[in-house]
């Protein structure tokens, strides 16, 4: 199963929960706002998250207090 992910950065409150749960998928900018970094995605949601990281991805989604992580079964762009 391929899952594409992106962060709605306008809703992100910079809590860092996603980065703590899935550091291979998410990183925080200088302001603490999250983005998808997996395989150089740059938060575009066009890179399928690897199958072996699906559990980490779910942990990040579950830990996000604003539910700003968006998922799709197809690329966003």
N, C-alpha and C. Protein backbone atom coordinates (compact mmCIF):
# COMPACT_ATOMS: atom_id res chain seq x y z
N UNK A 1 0.83 -1.18 0.00
CA UNK A 1 0.00 0.00 0.00
C UNK A 1 0.88 1.25 0.00
N UNK A 2 0.65 2.11 -0.94
CA UNK A 2 1.37 3.37 -0.98
C UNK A 2 0.50 4.46 -0.39
N UNK A 3 1.09 5.27 0.44
CA UNK A 3 0.36 6.38 1.04
C UNK A 3 1.16 7.65 0.81
N UNK A 4 0.50 8.64 0.33
CA UNK A 4 1.12 9.93 0.13
C UNK A 4 0.68 10.84 1.26
N UNK A 5 1.60 11.65 1.77
CA UNK A 5 1.30 12.49 2.92
C UNK A 5 1.77 13.92 2.67
N UNK A 6 1.05 14.85 3.28
CA UNK A 6 1.40 16.26 3.23
C UNK A 6 0.89 16.88 4.53
N UNK A 7 1.53 17.95 4.95
CA UNK A 7 1.08 18.66 6.15
C UNK A 7 0.41 19.96 5.74
N UNK A 8 -0.79 20.19 6.26
CA UNK A 8 -1.45 21.49 6.08
C UNK A 8 -0.75 22.44 7.05
N UNK A 9 0.21 23.19 6.55
CA UNK A 9 1.06 24.00 7.41
C UNK A 9 0.33 25.17 8.05
N UNK A 10 -0.81 25.57 7.50
CA UNK A 10 -1.58 26.64 8.11
C UNK A 10 -2.26 26.17 9.40
N UNK A 11 -2.50 24.85 9.51
CA UNK A 11 -3.13 24.30 10.70
C UNK A 11 -2.12 23.76 11.71
N UNK A 12 -0.86 23.60 11.29
CA UNK A 12 0.18 23.06 12.17
C UNK A 12 0.46 24.04 13.30
N UNK A 13 0.52 23.52 14.54
CA UNK A 13 0.78 24.38 15.71
C UNK A 13 2.21 24.20 16.24
N UNK A 14 3.06 23.55 15.46
CA UNK A 14 4.48 23.41 15.78
C UNK A 14 4.73 22.65 17.09
N UNK A 15 3.94 21.61 17.34
CA UNK A 15 4.11 20.85 18.58
C UNK A 15 5.24 19.82 18.48
N UNK A 16 5.58 19.40 17.26
CA UNK A 16 6.66 18.45 17.07
C UNK A 16 6.29 16.99 17.24
N UNK A 17 5.04 16.69 17.48
CA UNK A 17 4.63 15.30 17.73
C UNK A 17 4.90 14.40 16.52
N UNK A 18 4.65 14.89 15.32
CA UNK A 18 4.86 14.06 14.12
C UNK A 18 6.33 13.75 13.93
N UNK A 19 7.18 14.73 14.15
CA UNK A 19 8.62 14.53 14.01
C UNK A 19 9.14 13.56 15.06
N UNK A 20 8.58 13.61 16.26
CA UNK A 20 8.98 12.67 17.30
C UNK A 20 8.55 11.25 16.96
N UNK A 21 7.36 11.10 16.38
CA UNK A 21 6.83 9.78 16.05
C UNK A 21 7.44 9.21 14.78
N UNK A 22 7.77 10.07 13.83
CA UNK A 22 8.23 9.60 12.52
C UNK A 22 9.30 10.55 11.95
N UNK A 23 10.49 10.54 12.55
CA UNK A 23 11.54 11.47 12.11
C UNK A 23 12.04 11.22 10.68
N UNK A 24 11.81 10.04 10.14
CA UNK A 24 12.21 9.76 8.76
C UNK A 24 11.22 10.33 7.75
N UNK A 25 10.05 10.74 8.24
CA UNK A 25 9.00 11.25 7.35
C UNK A 25 8.82 12.76 7.52
N UNK A 26 8.87 13.24 8.76
CA UNK A 26 8.56 14.65 9.06
C UNK A 26 9.75 15.36 9.66
N UNK A 27 9.87 16.64 9.33
CA UNK A 27 10.86 17.50 9.97
C UNK A 27 10.20 18.84 10.23
N UNK A 28 10.84 19.64 11.06
CA UNK A 28 10.30 20.94 11.44
C UNK A 28 11.20 22.05 10.90
N UNK A 29 10.59 23.13 10.45
CA UNK A 29 11.39 24.26 9.99
C UNK A 29 11.83 25.09 11.18
N UNK A 30 12.47 26.22 10.93
CA UNK A 30 12.99 27.06 12.02
C UNK A 30 11.89 27.58 12.94
N UNK A 31 10.66 27.63 12.44
CA UNK A 31 9.52 28.07 13.25
C UNK A 31 8.80 26.91 13.93
N UNK A 32 9.26 25.68 13.66
CA UNK A 32 8.64 24.51 14.25
C UNK A 32 7.51 23.92 13.42
N UNK A 33 7.23 24.50 12.26
CA UNK A 33 6.15 24.01 11.41
C UNK A 33 6.62 22.75 10.69
N UNK A 34 5.78 21.74 10.69
CA UNK A 34 6.14 20.43 10.13
C UNK A 34 5.99 20.40 8.61
N UNK A 35 6.77 19.50 8.02
CA UNK A 35 6.62 19.20 6.60
C UNK A 35 7.09 17.78 6.36
N UNK A 36 6.61 17.21 5.26
CA UNK A 36 7.03 15.87 4.87
C UNK A 36 8.38 15.99 4.16
N UNK A 37 9.37 15.28 4.68
CA UNK A 37 10.72 15.33 4.10
C UNK A 37 11.12 14.01 3.45
N UNK A 38 10.29 12.98 3.59
CA UNK A 38 10.66 11.65 3.11
C UNK A 38 11.09 11.71 1.64
N UNK A 39 12.26 11.19 1.35
CA UNK A 39 12.79 11.08 -0.01
C UNK A 39 12.75 12.41 -0.76
N UNK A 40 12.97 13.51 -0.04
CA UNK A 40 13.01 14.82 -0.66
C UNK A 40 11.67 15.35 -1.14
N UNK A 41 10.58 14.90 -0.52
CA UNK A 41 9.24 15.29 -0.96
C UNK A 41 8.96 16.79 -0.81
N UNK A 42 9.58 17.44 0.15
CA UNK A 42 9.37 18.87 0.38
C UNK A 42 7.90 19.24 0.60
N UNK A 43 7.17 18.35 1.26
CA UNK A 43 5.77 18.55 1.64
C UNK A 43 4.82 18.66 0.44
N UNK A 44 5.25 18.18 -0.72
CA UNK A 44 4.39 18.24 -1.90
C UNK A 44 3.38 17.10 -1.94
N UNK A 45 3.65 16.01 -1.20
CA UNK A 45 2.73 14.88 -1.21
C UNK A 45 2.77 14.08 -2.49
N UNK A 46 3.95 14.03 -3.11
CA UNK A 46 4.08 13.31 -4.38
C UNK A 46 4.97 12.08 -4.28
N UNK A 47 5.53 11.84 -3.09
CA UNK A 47 6.41 10.69 -2.88
C UNK A 47 5.72 9.68 -1.98
N UNK A 48 5.57 8.46 -2.47
CA UNK A 48 4.92 7.42 -1.66
C UNK A 48 5.79 7.10 -0.44
N UNK A 49 5.15 7.08 0.71
CA UNK A 49 5.84 6.73 1.95
C UNK A 49 6.09 5.22 1.93
N UNK A 50 7.33 4.84 2.22
CA UNK A 50 7.72 3.43 2.16
C UNK A 50 6.87 2.56 3.08
N UNK A 51 6.62 1.34 2.63
CA UNK A 51 5.78 0.42 3.39
C UNK A 51 6.31 0.20 4.80
N UNK A 52 7.62 0.12 4.96
CA UNK A 52 8.19 -0.13 6.28
C UNK A 52 8.03 1.06 7.23
N UNK A 53 7.60 2.21 6.72
CA UNK A 53 7.36 3.38 7.57
C UNK A 53 5.89 3.65 7.83
N UNK A 54 5.01 2.77 7.37
CA UNK A 54 3.57 2.98 7.54
C UNK A 54 3.15 3.04 9.00
N UNK A 55 3.77 2.24 9.85
CA UNK A 55 3.42 2.26 11.27
C UNK A 55 3.83 3.59 11.91
N UNK A 56 5.02 4.07 11.57
CA UNK A 56 5.46 5.37 12.07
C UNK A 56 4.53 6.47 11.57
N UNK A 57 4.12 6.39 10.31
CA UNK A 57 3.21 7.38 9.75
C UNK A 57 1.90 7.40 10.53
N UNK A 58 1.37 6.23 10.83
CA UNK A 58 0.12 6.15 11.60
C UNK A 58 0.31 6.71 13.00
N UNK A 59 1.46 6.44 13.62
CA UNK A 59 1.74 7.00 14.95
C UNK A 59 1.76 8.52 14.90
N UNK A 60 2.34 9.07 13.83
CA UNK A 60 2.39 10.53 13.68
C UNK A 60 0.99 11.10 13.52
N UNK A 61 0.18 10.45 12.71
CA UNK A 61 -1.19 10.90 12.50
C UNK A 61 -1.96 10.87 13.82
N UNK A 62 -1.80 9.79 14.55
CA UNK A 62 -2.50 9.64 15.83
C UNK A 62 -2.05 10.67 16.86
N UNK A 63 -0.80 11.12 16.77
CA UNK A 63 -0.27 12.04 17.77
C UNK A 63 -0.50 13.51 17.43
N UNK A 64 -0.95 13.80 16.23
CA UNK A 64 -1.13 15.19 15.80
C UNK A 64 -2.39 15.78 16.42
N UNK A 65 -2.25 16.81 17.27
CA UNK A 65 -3.42 17.36 17.94
C UNK A 65 -4.35 18.15 17.01
N UNK A 66 -3.84 18.62 15.88
CA UNK A 66 -4.69 19.41 14.98
C UNK A 66 -5.13 18.62 13.74
N UNK A 67 -4.69 17.37 13.65
CA UNK A 67 -5.04 16.52 12.51
C UNK A 67 -4.70 17.20 11.18
N UNK A 68 -3.53 17.86 11.13
CA UNK A 68 -3.15 18.59 9.92
C UNK A 68 -2.37 17.74 8.93
N UNK A 69 -2.12 16.47 9.26
CA UNK A 69 -1.46 15.57 8.31
C UNK A 69 -2.52 15.02 7.36
N UNK A 70 -2.32 15.29 6.10
CA UNK A 70 -3.26 14.86 5.07
C UNK A 70 -2.71 13.62 4.37
N UNK A 71 -3.58 12.66 4.08
CA UNK A 71 -3.18 11.43 3.41
C UNK A 71 -3.97 11.24 2.13
N UNK A 72 -3.35 10.54 1.20
CA UNK A 72 -4.03 10.21 -0.05
C UNK A 72 -3.44 8.91 -0.57
N UNK A 73 -4.22 8.17 -1.35
CA UNK A 73 -3.70 6.95 -1.98
C UNK A 73 -3.12 7.27 -3.36
N UNK A 74 -3.13 8.56 -3.73
CA UNK A 74 -2.55 9.02 -4.99
C UNK A 74 -1.78 10.31 -4.70
N UNK A 75 -0.82 10.64 -5.54
CA UNK A 75 -0.07 11.89 -5.32
C UNK A 75 -0.99 13.10 -5.27
N UNK A 76 -0.63 14.08 -4.44
CA UNK A 76 -1.42 15.30 -4.31
C UNK A 76 -1.32 16.19 -5.54
N UNK A 77 -0.18 16.13 -6.22
CA UNK A 77 0.00 17.01 -7.39
C UNK A 77 0.39 16.21 -8.61
